[in-house]
Amino acid sequence: METTDAFTGLSCVDCGEAFGPEAATHRCPDCGGILDPTYDLDRIDLSPEDLAERPFESMWRYAELLPFATDAAVSLGEGATPLIECPGLADAMGVGRVLLKDEGSNPTGTFKDRGQSLAMTAASQHGAEEVALNSAGNAGQAAAAYAARADLDAHVFLPSRAGFTQKAMTEVHGADLTVTDPIDGNSQIGDAGRAYAEAMEDHPDWYSTKTFVTPYRHEGKKTMALELLEQLDWGAPDGVVYPTGGGVGLVGMHKAAREVRELGWTDELVPMYAAQAAGCAPVVDAYESGADRHEPVPDDEVDTACNGIAIPDPGASPLVLDAIRESDGGAVATTDRAILDAAIEVARTEGLEVGATCAACVSGAFALAESGEFGPDDTVVLLNTGAGNKDVDALRAHLGEREVEAGEAATETAGDDIDS
């Protein structure tokens, strides 16, 4: 295997057992826990000054802090996304500075590309021929693209509520797509997960690139924090607001912040804030109650149109909650209306396109600022995890509803004026 000098193997976050990268490919062989890549940071011969000399062209510029060498990478040029000043949002929010980290500029339009790049690299290094996962939508599309790049056959399981774009492009990239049928209304990600699990029992040779089953997806996403800190000259912002479903990227970013602090590149951790939809907010509920683990939201109680973060049973919630608390961050839930309004606000105030689901970070930041969590001197980063065109139907439909409501309100006001 083409691994980096500092990569030492995998450690189970539950039982603490350590394994070599060849011996364990997915969950812990001893207890079934989540495996996490580990490094001997003393062996990393890299500095911020070295990075400044490298072209800012993909996440693989940070290869020394990743498990696999650049030469082994299954890459489409993912990462190196812009960090964009948003003065209009800063004024509206009442904070010193708002920046948007735009993951919509990734090859398939979302941050999922970072995780799938590293997961497919691992699959190739382990000699896999076929990969599989279930997804809410975007990760399935990304997996199909990166499997095509790696010349691997992909099997993707999506719920019926996944977006048309994600379903279509999964097939365009050549993956075998299974869309789970709804039992009562649209099927949820749990339905896709059950179909995936049944297929994996029938095909034990398939290599999973499912969240926190492979140890490498959160590891790829940690590069978001490496980029963000470098773009801020290695100074931590006062908060990163992250649209949270499974929380994979949040966990990865927190890990990166801990690593660069240990390396001496920065002095502080990055405060991480989980933003969820009020209709499916298990992480927020757990955080507010002081729990160490979430309570699953029953599928029939999920009430949000924000498909990408409608994850009623996030299996790694203890890691998410630990990251939030250790970084001195927080958690916030806002309504679908506030989320969709926020997406339109960003488009009209800054000219930037954010996904309907992703806009939870914007509405969440406004709610946090209103509550006093963010102040007039703070720098707030909005982590836009995907492009606006992923959810164009939802955004246009919401805009239409607003226009109808505005027209009805205007008619009512005119009627009142006549009556008076």
Protein backbone atom coordinates (compact mmCIF):
# COMPACT_ATOMS: atom_id res chain seq x y z
CA MET A 1 0.00 0.00 0.00
CA GLU A 2 1.19 3.51 -0.83
CA THR A 3 0.82 5.15 2.58
CA THR A 4 2.37 8.34 3.93
CA ASP A 5 5.29 8.39 6.35
CA ALA A 6 3.30 9.63 9.35
CA PHE A 7 0.29 7.32 8.93
CA THR A 8 0.52 4.64 11.64
CA GLY A 9 -2.74 2.77 11.15
CA LEU A 10 -6.24 2.75 12.59
CA SER A 11 -7.51 3.08 16.14
CA CYS A 12 -10.96 2.09 17.40
CA VAL A 13 -12.72 5.03 19.04
CA ASP A 14 -14.71 2.60 21.21
CA CYS A 15 -12.29 -0.05 22.49
CA GLY A 16 -8.98 1.67 21.70
CA GLU A 17 -7.50 -1.30 19.84
CA ALA A 18 -5.01 -0.44 17.09
CA PHE A 19 -4.75 -2.07 13.66
CA GLY A 20 -2.59 -1.82 10.57
CA PRO A 21 -4.29 -0.45 7.44
CA GLU A 22 -4.06 -3.85 5.74
CA ALA A 23 -5.51 -5.75 8.71
CA ALA A 24 -8.64 -3.63 9.14
CA THR A 25 -10.48 -2.01 6.26
CA HIS A 26 -13.78 -0.90 7.81
CA ARG A 27 -15.18 -1.25 11.36
CA CYS A 28 -13.20 -2.56 14.32
CA PRO A 29 -12.65 -6.34 13.98
CA ASP A 30 -12.85 -6.70 17.77
CA CYS A 31 -15.89 -4.66 18.81
CA GLY A 32 -17.43 -3.26 15.62
CA GLY A 33 -16.60 0.32 16.61
CA ILE A 34 -15.59 3.20 14.35
CA LEU A 35 -11.97 3.18 13.23
CA ASP A 36 -10.00 6.41 12.98
CA PRO A 37 -6.73 6.94 11.07
CA THR A 38 -3.80 7.76 13.35
CA TYR A 39 -0.49 9.52 12.75
CA ASP A 40 2.89 10.07 14.34
CA LEU A 41 2.85 13.84 14.02
CA ASP A 42 6.55 14.03 14.91
CA ARG A 43 7.23 12.42 11.53
CA ILE A 44 5.44 15.12 9.54
CA ASP A 45 8.01 17.21 7.72
CA LEU A 46 5.72 20.04 6.67
CA SER A 47 5.11 23.62 7.74
CA PRO A 48 2.69 26.43 6.81
CA GLU A 49 5.58 28.03 4.95
CA ASP A 50 5.99 24.86 2.87
CA LEU A 51 2.29 24.85 2.04
CA ALA A 52 2.43 28.47 0.94
CA GLU A 53 4.81 27.39 -1.83
CA ARG A 54 2.41 24.74 -3.18
CA PRO A 55 -0.33 25.40 -5.73
CA PHE A 56 -3.79 25.65 -4.20
CA GLU A 57 -5.39 23.10 -6.51
CA SER A 58 -6.75 20.14 -4.54
CA MET A 59 -7.08 18.67 -1.05
CA TRP A 60 -4.13 16.40 -1.80
CA ARG A 61 -1.75 19.30 -1.14
CA TYR A 62 -2.13 18.15 2.49
CA ALA A 63 -1.08 14.56 1.71
CA GLU A 64 1.36 14.42 4.64
CA LEU A 65 -1.68 14.67 6.94
CA LEU A 66 -3.60 11.98 5.05
CA PRO A 67 -3.17 8.19 5.00
CA PHE A 68 -2.27 7.71 1.33
CA ALA A 69 0.37 9.22 -0.90
CA THR A 70 -0.57 11.66 -3.64
CA ASP A 71 0.57 9.21 -6.33
CA ALA A 72 -2.10 6.77 -5.14
CA ALA A 73 -4.93 9.31 -5.04
CA VAL A 74 -8.22 8.75 -6.82
CA SER A 75 -8.83 12.41 -7.50
CA LEU A 76 -10.98 14.71 -9.64
CA GLY A 77 -9.40 17.89 -8.27
CA GLU A 78 -11.64 18.06 -5.21
CA GLY A 79 -11.00 20.68 -2.54
CA ALA A 80 -9.21 24.03 -2.86
CA THR A 81 -12.61 25.70 -2.54
CA PRO A 82 -12.95 29.46 -2.09
CA LEU A 83 -13.56 31.33 1.16
CA ILE A 84 -15.71 34.30 0.19
CA GLU A 85 -16.31 37.52 2.09
CA CYS A 86 -20.01 38.27 2.70
CA PRO A 87 -20.24 41.87 3.95
CA GLY A 88 -23.98 42.10 3.39
CA LEU A 89 -24.63 39.06 5.56
CA ALA A 90 -22.24 40.40 8.21
CA ASP A 91 -24.21 43.64 8.40
CA ALA A 92 -27.55 41.82 8.53
CA MET A 93 -26.26 39.41 11.17
CA GLY A 94 -24.62 42.10 13.27
CA VAL A 95 -21.19 40.45 13.38
CA GLY A 96 -17.75 41.66 12.40
CA ARG A 97 -17.17 39.35 9.48
CA VAL A 98 -18.98 36.57 7.62
CA LEU A 99 -17.15 34.24 5.24
CA LEU A 100 -18.66 31.45 3.18
CA LYS A 101 -16.61 28.33 2.46
CA ASP A 102 -18.12 27.25 -0.85
CA GLU A 103 -17.99 23.47 -1.24
CA GLY A 104 -20.38 23.74 -4.16
CA SER A 105 -17.35 24.25 -6.40
CA ASN A 106 -16.26 20.61 -5.97
CA PRO A 107 -16.42 18.30 -9.02
CA THR A 108 -19.88 16.86 -8.29
CA GLY A 109 -21.05 19.99 -6.48
CA THR A 110 -20.68 19.01 -2.82
CA PHE A 111 -18.17 18.36 -0.06
CA LYS A 112 -18.93 14.65 -0.39
CA ASP A 113 -16.23 14.53 -3.08
CA ARG A 114 -13.52 14.94 -0.45
CA GLY A 115 -14.66 11.87 1.48
CA GLN A 116 -15.23 9.74 -1.58
CA SER A 117 -11.82 10.65 -3.00
CA LEU A 118 -10.10 9.19 0.05
CA ALA A 119 -12.54 6.28 0.43
CA MET A 120 -12.08 5.25 -3.23
CA THR A 121 -8.32 5.59 -2.83
CA ALA A 122 -8.53 3.17 0.10
CA ALA A 123 -10.76 0.82 -1.91
CA SER A 124 -8.23 0.79 -4.74
CA GLN A 125 -5.35 0.24 -2.34
CA HIS A 126 -7.19 -2.69 -0.79
CA GLY A 127 -7.79 -4.28 -4.19
CA ALA A 128 -11.56 -3.79 -4.30
CA GLU A 129 -13.46 -4.35 -7.52
CA GLU A 130 -16.97 -3.28 -6.46
CA VAL A 131 -18.02 -0.63 -3.94
CA ALA A 132 -21.36 0.06 -2.26
CA LEU A 133 -23.09 2.55 0.02
CA ASN A 134 -26.44 4.02 0.92
CA SER A 135 -26.86 7.78 0.91
CA ALA A 136 -29.37 10.59 1.20
CA GLY A 137 -28.28 11.61 -2.31
CA ASN A 138 -25.08 13.62 -2.73
CA ALA A 139 -22.69 10.97 -1.41
CA GLY A 140 -24.22 8.48 -3.82
CA GLN A 141 -23.57 10.76 -6.77
CA ALA A 142 -20.01 11.42 -5.56
CA ALA A 143 -19.36 7.71 -5.05
CA ALA A 144 -20.55 6.96 -8.58
CA ALA A 145 -18.20 9.60 -10.01
CA TYR A 146 -15.14 8.52 -8.05
CA ALA A 147 -15.81 4.84 -8.67
CA ALA A 148 -15.83 5.63 -12.38
CA ARG A 149 -12.51 7.44 -11.97
CA ALA A 150 -11.06 4.42 -10.15
CA ASP A 151 -12.53 1.93 -12.64
CA LEU A 152 -14.64 0.30 -9.93
CA ASP A 153 -18.22 -0.90 -10.15
CA ALA A 154 -20.49 1.01 -7.77
CA HIS A 155 -23.78 0.02 -6.13
CA VAL A 156 -25.70 3.00 -4.74
CA PHE A 157 -28.85 2.84 -2.60
CA LEU A 158 -30.91 6.03 -2.36
CA PRO A 159 -34.29 6.80 -0.76
CA SER A 160 -37.09 7.92 -3.04
CA ARG A 161 -36.91 11.41 -1.47
CA ALA A 162 -33.38 11.93 -2.87
CA GLY A 163 -33.19 14.66 -5.49
CA PHE A 164 -33.61 14.04 -9.20
CA THR A 165 -30.13 15.40 -9.94
CA GLN A 166 -28.47 12.96 -7.56
CA LYS A 167 -30.41 9.98 -8.90
CA ALA A 168 -29.81 10.92 -12.52
CA MET A 169 -26.09 11.61 -12.20
CA THR A 170 -25.52 8.43 -10.20
CA GLU A 171 -26.75 6.52 -13.24
CA VAL A 172 -24.96 8.79 -15.71
CA HIS A 173 -21.66 7.92 -14.01
CA GLY A 174 -22.48 4.23 -14.57
CA ALA A 175 -23.39 3.10 -11.06
CA ASP A 176 -25.99 0.46 -10.32
CA LEU A 177 -28.75 2.53 -8.64
CA THR A 178 -31.40 1.16 -6.30
CA VAL A 179 -34.11 3.61 -5.22
CA THR A 180 -36.05 2.29 -2.25
CA ASP A 181 -39.82 2.36 -2.60
CA PRO A 182 -41.82 4.32 -0.05
CA ILE A 183 -44.00 2.47 2.41
CA ASP A 184 -45.99 5.57 3.35
CA GLY A 185 -44.98 8.64 1.37
CA ASN A 186 -41.33 9.17 0.43
CA SER A 187 -38.83 6.62 1.71
CA GLN A 188 -36.15 7.81 4.15
CA ILE A 189 -32.42 7.18 4.28
CA GLY A 190 -33.11 4.39 6.78
CA ASP A 191 -35.03 2.50 4.07
CA ALA A 192 -32.03 2.85 1.75
CA GLY A 193 -29.78 1.69 4.58
CA ARG A 194 -31.82 -1.47 5.09
CA ALA A 195 -31.73 -2.26 1.37
CA TYR A 196 -27.97 -1.68 1.35
CA ALA A 197 -27.48 -3.96 4.38
CA GLU A 198 -29.46 -6.77 2.75
CA ALA A 199 -27.41 -6.45 -0.44
CA MET A 200 -24.15 -6.48 1.52
CA GLU A 201 -25.18 -9.78 3.13
CA ASP A 202 -25.65 -11.25 -0.33
CA HIS A 203 -22.42 -9.71 -1.65
CA PRO A 204 -19.77 -9.80 1.09
CA ASP A 205 -17.07 -8.99 -1.47
CA TRP A 206 -18.49 -5.50 -2.05
CA TYR A 207 -16.30 -2.83 -0.45
CA SER A 208 -18.31 -0.31 1.56
CA THR A 209 -17.72 3.42 1.27
CA LYS A 210 -20.57 4.16 3.69
CA THR A 211 -20.20 6.89 6.32
CA PHE A 212 -18.16 5.76 9.34
CA VAL A 213 -18.06 2.20 7.97
CA THR A 214 -15.04 3.12 5.92
CA PRO A 215 -12.54 4.92 8.20
CA TYR A 216 -11.61 7.33 5.44
CA ARG A 217 -14.56 9.56 4.58
CA HIS A 218 -14.28 11.81 7.62
CA GLU A 219 -10.54 11.86 7.06
CA GLY A 220 -10.96 13.32 3.59
CA LYS A 221 -13.37 15.93 4.89
CA LYS A 222 -10.92 17.14 7.52
CA THR A 223 -9.16 18.95 4.67
CA MET A 224 -11.96 21.54 4.82
CA ALA A 225 -10.54 22.74 8.14
CA LEU A 226 -6.97 22.64 6.86
CA GLU A 227 -7.94 24.86 3.94
CA LEU A 228 -10.06 27.16 6.06
CA LEU A 229 -7.30 27.72 8.61
CA GLU A 230 -4.72 28.29 5.90
CA GLN A 231 -7.03 30.78 4.17
CA LEU A 232 -7.29 32.64 7.51
CA ASP A 233 -3.49 32.64 7.99
CA TRP A 234 -3.81 29.88 10.60
CA GLY A 235 -6.03 31.91 12.90
CA ALA A 236 -9.23 30.23 14.10
CA PRO A 237 -12.55 31.98 13.42
CA ASP A 238 -15.01 32.55 16.26
CA GLY A 239 -17.32 29.94 14.85
CA VAL A 240 -17.92 27.60 11.92
CA VAL A 241 -21.60 26.84 11.38
CA TYR A 242 -22.00 23.48 9.72
CA PRO A 243 -25.24 21.97 8.27
CA THR A 244 -25.37 18.68 10.13
CA GLY A 245 -26.93 15.37 9.21
CA GLY A 246 -24.51 12.54 9.98
CA GLY A 247 -21.90 15.07 11.07
CA VAL A 248 -19.04 13.41 9.18
CA GLY A 249 -17.46 16.67 8.04
CA LEU A 250 -17.86 18.30 11.44
CA VAL A 251 -15.99 15.41 13.08
CA GLY A 252 -13.27 15.52 10.43
CA MET A 253 -12.80 19.28 10.71
CA HIS A 254 -12.47 19.08 14.47
CA LYS A 255 -9.88 16.35 14.14
CA ALA A 256 -7.84 18.51 11.75
CA ALA A 257 -8.01 21.46 14.14
CA ARG A 258 -6.65 19.29 16.94
CA GLU A 259 -3.84 18.00 14.74
CA VAL A 260 -2.63 21.40 13.55
CA ARG A 261 -2.78 22.74 17.09
CA GLU A 262 -0.56 19.86 18.19
CA LEU A 263 1.76 20.64 15.28
CA GLY A 264 1.99 24.22 16.52
CA TRP A 265 0.49 25.75 13.37
CA THR A 266 -2.35 27.38 15.31
CA ASP A 267 -3.07 28.09 18.96
CA GLU A 268 -6.81 27.46 19.18
CA LEU A 269 -9.41 24.91 18.19
CA VAL A 270 -12.10 25.92 15.72
CA PRO A 271 -15.48 26.35 17.50
CA MET A 272 -17.87 24.06 15.62
CA TYR A 273 -21.62 24.70 15.55
CA ALA A 274 -24.05 22.05 14.29
CA ALA A 275 -27.03 23.46 12.39
CA GLN A 276 -30.03 21.22 11.80
CA ALA A 277 -33.61 21.44 10.55
CA ALA A 278 -36.15 21.65 13.37
CA GLY A 279 -38.08 18.79 11.77
CA CYS A 280 -35.14 16.39 12.27
CA ALA A 281 -32.70 17.62 14.92
CA PRO A 282 -31.42 14.67 16.98
CA VAL A 283 -27.96 16.21 17.51
CA VAL A 284 -29.39 19.54 18.67
CA ASP A 285 -31.79 17.77 21.02
CA ALA A 286 -28.95 15.73 22.53
CA TYR A 287 -26.71 18.78 22.88
CA GLU A 288 -29.39 20.86 24.59
CA SER A 289 -30.29 18.05 27.00
CA GLY A 290 -26.64 17.42 27.91
CA ALA A 291 -26.76 13.86 26.55
CA ASP A 292 -23.71 12.04 25.21
CA ARG A 293 -25.71 10.31 22.46
CA HIS A 294 -28.79 11.21 20.44
CA GLU A 295 -32.24 9.64 20.60
CA PRO A 296 -33.28 8.50 17.11
CA VAL A 297 -36.15 10.38 15.49
CA PRO A 298 -38.82 7.90 14.32
CA ASP A 299 -39.05 7.89 10.54
CA ASP A 300 -42.71 8.89 10.63
CA GLU A 301 -41.83 11.96 12.72
CA VAL A 302 -39.23 13.35 10.31
CA ASP A 303 -40.76 16.60 9.09
CA THR A 304 -38.35 18.51 6.85
CA ALA A 305 -37.79 19.07 3.16
CA CYS A 306 -34.04 19.37 3.78
CA ASN A 307 -33.15 15.89 2.56
CA GLY A 308 -29.39 16.12 2.98
CA ILE A 309 -29.58 16.67 6.74
CA ALA A 310 -32.69 14.58 7.38
CA ILE A 311 -30.69 11.91 9.19
CA PRO A 312 -32.89 10.66 12.05
CA ASP A 313 -30.33 8.25 13.49
CA PRO A 314 -26.76 9.60 13.08
CA GLY A 315 -24.61 6.71 14.25
CA ALA A 316 -21.60 8.83 15.19
CA SER A 317 -23.48 11.39 17.30
CA PRO A 318 -21.12 10.84 20.29
CA LEU A 319 -18.21 11.99 18.12
CA VAL A 320 -20.22 14.97 16.87
CA LEU A 321 -21.23 16.00 20.39
CA ASP A 322 -17.66 15.58 21.66
CA ALA A 323 -16.38 17.81 18.84
CA ILE A 324 -18.96 20.51 19.56
CA ARG A 325 -18.23 20.54 23.27
CA GLU A 326 -14.46 20.23 23.09
CA SER A 327 -14.27 23.08 20.58
CA ASP A 328 -16.56 25.29 22.71
CA GLY A 329 -19.12 25.42 19.91
CA GLY A 330 -22.84 24.75 20.00
CA ALA A 331 -25.92 23.50 18.15
CA VAL A 332 -28.98 25.17 16.71
CA ALA A 333 -32.14 24.12 14.84
CA THR A 334 -34.22 26.34 12.58
CA THR A 335 -37.41 25.82 10.59
CA ASP A 336 -37.52 24.83 6.95
CA ARG A 337 -38.95 28.24 6.14
CA ALA A 338 -36.03 29.99 7.82
CA ILE A 339 -33.57 27.73 6.00
CA LEU A 340 -35.09 28.30 2.56
CA ASP A 341 -35.47 32.04 3.23
CA ALA A 342 -31.76 32.10 4.13
CA ALA A 343 -30.79 30.48 0.82
CA ILE A 344 -32.68 33.19 -1.04
CA GLU A 345 -31.17 35.89 1.20
CA VAL A 346 -27.64 34.73 0.32
CA ALA A 347 -28.44 34.67 -3.39
CA ARG A 348 -29.93 38.18 -3.32
CA THR A 349 -27.50 39.77 -0.86
CA GLU A 350 -24.22 38.23 -1.98
CA GLY A 351 -24.97 36.66 -5.36
CA LEU A 352 -23.87 33.27 -4.02
CA GLU A 353 -25.78 30.03 -4.55
CA VAL A 354 -26.16 27.70 -1.59
CA GLY A 355 -28.06 24.44 -1.46
CA ALA A 356 -31.50 24.45 0.17
CA THR A 357 -30.30 21.99 2.79
CA CYS A 358 -26.94 23.71 3.16
CA ALA A 359 -28.61 27.02 3.99
CA ALA A 360 -29.25 25.62 7.47
CA CYS A 361 -25.81 27.00 8.28
CA VAL A 362 -26.98 30.50 7.30
CA SER A 363 -30.29 30.46 9.19
CA GLY A 364 -28.49 28.81 12.09
CA ALA A 365 -25.86 31.56 12.17
CA PHE A 366 -28.57 34.23 12.19
CA ALA A 367 -30.29 32.46 15.10
CA LEU A 368 -27.01 32.17 17.00
CA ALA A 369 -26.24 35.85 16.45
CA GLU A 370 -29.74 36.83 17.57
CA SER A 371 -29.27 34.81 20.76
CA GLY A 372 -25.98 36.60 21.51
CA GLU A 373 -23.72 33.64 20.71
CA PHE A 374 -21.98 35.71 18.01
CA GLY A 375 -21.13 39.36 18.57
CA PRO A 376 -20.12 42.48 16.62
CA ASP A 377 -16.40 41.63 16.64
CA ASP A 378 -16.72 37.97 15.69
CA THR A 379 -15.68 36.21 12.50
CA VAL A 380 -18.25 33.61 11.46
CA VAL A 381 -17.69 31.01 8.75
CA LEU A 382 -20.65 29.45 6.96
CA LEU A 383 -19.84 26.01 5.60
CA ASN A 384 -21.87 25.73 2.41
CA THR A 385 -21.68 22.01 1.75
CA GLY A 386 -23.26 22.01 -1.70
CA ALA A 387 -24.24 23.96 -4.79
CA GLY A 388 -27.58 25.68 -5.10
CA ASN A 389 -28.47 23.84 -8.29
CA LYS A 390 -28.68 20.60 -6.31
CA ASP A 391 -32.00 21.84 -4.90
CA VAL A 392 -33.22 24.22 -7.57
CA ASP A 393 -36.79 22.85 -7.47
CA ALA A 394 -37.09 23.35 -3.71
CA LEU A 395 -35.68 26.87 -3.90
CA ARG A 396 -37.90 27.92 -6.81
CA ALA A 397 -40.99 26.40 -5.17
CA HIS A 398 -40.30 28.29 -1.96
CA LEU A 399 -39.78 31.51 -3.87
CA GLY A 400 -43.13 30.97 -5.56
CA GLU A 401 -44.83 30.40 -2.20
CA ARG A 402 -43.34 33.64 -0.89
CA GLU A 403 -44.60 35.55 -3.92
CA VAL A 404 -48.11 34.15 -3.46
CA GLU A 405 -48.07 35.06 0.23
CA ALA A 406 -46.83 38.56 -0.58
CA GLY A 407 -49.61 38.99 -3.15
CA GLU A 408 -52.26 37.81 -0.69
CA ALA A 409 -50.89 40.15 1.98
CA ALA A 410 -50.96 43.07 -0.45
CA THR A 411 -54.55 42.28 -1.43
CA GLU A 412 -55.57 42.08 2.22
CA THR A 413 -53.91 45.42 2.97
CA ALA A 414 -55.63 47.06 0.02
CA GLY A 415 -58.96 45.71 1.26
CA ASP A 416 -58.32 47.14 4.71
CA ASP A 417 -57.53 50.53 3.17
CA ILE A 418 -60.81 50.50 1.23
CA ASP A 419 -62.78 49.52 4.33
CA SER A 420 -61.21 52.34 6.29
